[in-house]
Amino acid sequence: MPRYVMLIRFTQKGVEAIKEGPARLDAAKQAYRAAGAEVKEFYLVTGKYDAVVVAEVPDETTAAKLSLAIASKGYSRTETLRAFSEDEYRTIVSQLPKVNVK
């Protein structure tokens, strides 16, 4: 199943209600399970983003639906990236077409 990395920033509303954050994370995990997906890892991080989630999701449409549904609650904003495993990377690179550009 494809993996996605979600880079999360808390909104002001999310920070104000941060003590309820673990319950919202549990609800998000349940929403992922209900959609046939799975949150594999969650990290609270420092820097430009507040949290990072790694999830397995059946397809990009499901990933978009989950991101929009969660963001619609107003506690966070996400940037979702399709992540390719090392094996996928190696396959992609080995199948690159020849391009004759100078």
Protein backbone atom coordinates (compact mmCIF):
# COMPACT_ATOMS: atom_id res chain seq x y z
CA MET A 1 0.00 0.00 0.00
CA PRO A 2 1.37 3.48 -0.82
CA ARG A 3 2.89 5.48 2.03
CA TYR A 4 2.29 9.14 2.65
CA VAL A 5 4.07 11.61 4.89
CA MET A 6 1.91 14.35 6.39
CA LEU A 7 3.67 17.47 7.61
CA ILE A 8 1.39 19.08 10.19
CA ARG A 9 1.18 22.58 11.58
CA PHE A 10 -1.16 23.33 14.46
CA THR A 11 -3.49 26.28 14.00
CA GLN A 12 -4.08 28.74 16.82
CA LYS A 13 -7.24 26.76 17.63
CA GLY A 14 -5.17 23.58 17.76
CA VAL A 15 -2.60 25.06 20.11
CA GLU A 16 -5.30 26.46 22.38
CA ALA A 17 -6.81 22.97 22.65
CA ILE A 18 -3.51 21.03 22.65
CA LYS A 19 -4.42 19.04 25.78
CA GLU A 20 -7.14 17.35 23.71
CA GLY A 21 -4.59 16.61 20.97
CA PRO A 22 -4.04 12.95 21.94
CA ALA A 23 -7.80 12.29 21.72
CA ARG A 24 -7.88 13.96 18.29
CA LEU A 25 -4.95 11.79 17.20
CA ASP A 26 -6.87 8.69 18.33
CA ALA A 27 -9.93 9.87 16.37
CA ALA A 28 -7.76 10.46 13.29
CA LYS A 29 -6.30 6.96 13.59
CA GLN A 30 -9.84 5.56 13.75
CA ALA A 31 -10.83 7.57 10.66
CA TYR A 32 -7.83 6.15 8.82
CA ARG A 33 -8.77 2.59 9.83
CA ALA A 34 -12.37 3.15 8.70
CA ALA A 35 -11.04 4.27 5.29
CA GLY A 36 -8.86 1.17 4.91
CA ALA A 37 -5.69 3.08 5.80
CA GLU A 38 -3.33 3.00 8.77
CA VAL A 39 -1.31 5.58 10.65
CA LYS A 40 2.06 3.86 11.00
CA GLU A 41 3.99 6.54 12.89
CA PHE A 42 3.36 9.86 14.62
CA TYR A 43 6.06 12.29 15.73
CA LEU A 44 5.86 15.59 17.55
CA VAL A 45 8.67 17.62 15.98
CA THR A 46 10.46 20.92 16.37
CA GLY A 47 11.09 23.40 13.60
CA LYS A 48 8.84 24.51 10.76
CA TYR A 49 6.26 21.78 11.45
CA ASP A 50 4.64 20.66 14.68
CA ALA A 51 4.07 16.99 13.89
CA VAL A 52 4.76 14.38 11.22
CA VAL A 53 2.58 11.38 10.40
CA VAL A 54 3.55 8.43 8.24
CA ALA A 55 0.55 6.48 6.98
CA GLU A 56 -0.31 3.74 4.53
CA VAL A 57 -3.27 4.77 2.40
CA PRO A 58 -4.83 2.81 -0.48
CA ASP A 59 -4.71 5.69 -2.99
CA GLU A 60 -4.32 9.42 -3.40
CA THR A 61 -8.08 10.04 -3.43
CA THR A 62 -8.40 8.45 0.01
CA ALA A 63 -5.36 10.41 1.23
CA ALA A 64 -6.96 13.66 0.03
CA LYS A 65 -10.30 12.83 1.65
CA LEU A 66 -8.67 12.03 4.99
CA SER A 67 -6.51 15.17 4.93
CA LEU A 68 -9.47 17.38 4.08
CA ALA A 69 -11.76 15.77 6.65
CA ILE A 70 -9.20 16.23 9.42
CA ALA A 71 -8.22 19.76 8.34
CA SER A 72 -11.89 20.77 8.20
CA LYS A 73 -12.01 20.55 12.00
CA GLY A 74 -9.69 23.57 12.15
CA TYR A 75 -7.02 22.26 14.52
CA SER A 76 -4.26 21.74 11.97
CA ARG A 77 -3.06 22.30 8.42
CA THR A 78 -1.27 19.57 6.54
CA GLU A 79 1.04 19.12 3.61
CA THR A 80 0.76 15.58 2.24
CA LEU A 81 3.61 13.92 0.35
CA ARG A 82 3.64 10.56 -1.43
CA ALA A 83 6.62 8.63 -0.04
CA PHE A 84 8.39 6.02 -2.13
CA SER A 85 10.23 3.18 -0.39
CA GLU A 86 13.81 2.32 -1.23
CA ASP A 87 12.61 -0.58 -3.39
CA GLU A 88 10.18 1.70 -5.23
CA TYR A 89 12.96 4.28 -5.68
CA ARG A 90 15.28 1.67 -7.16
CA THR A 91 12.57 0.45 -9.56
CA ILE A 92 11.72 3.99 -10.67
CA VAL A 93 15.36 4.86 -11.31
CA SER A 94 16.03 1.61 -13.16
CA GLN A 95 13.10 2.30 -15.50
CA LEU A 96 13.95 5.90 -16.38
CA PRO A 97 13.52 6.54 -20.10
CA LYS A 98 16.41 7.81 -22.19
CA VAL A 99 16.04 11.50 -22.93
CA ASN A 100 18.18 13.13 -25.60
CA VAL A 101 18.36 16.67 -24.25
CA LYS A 102 21.54 18.70 -24.56
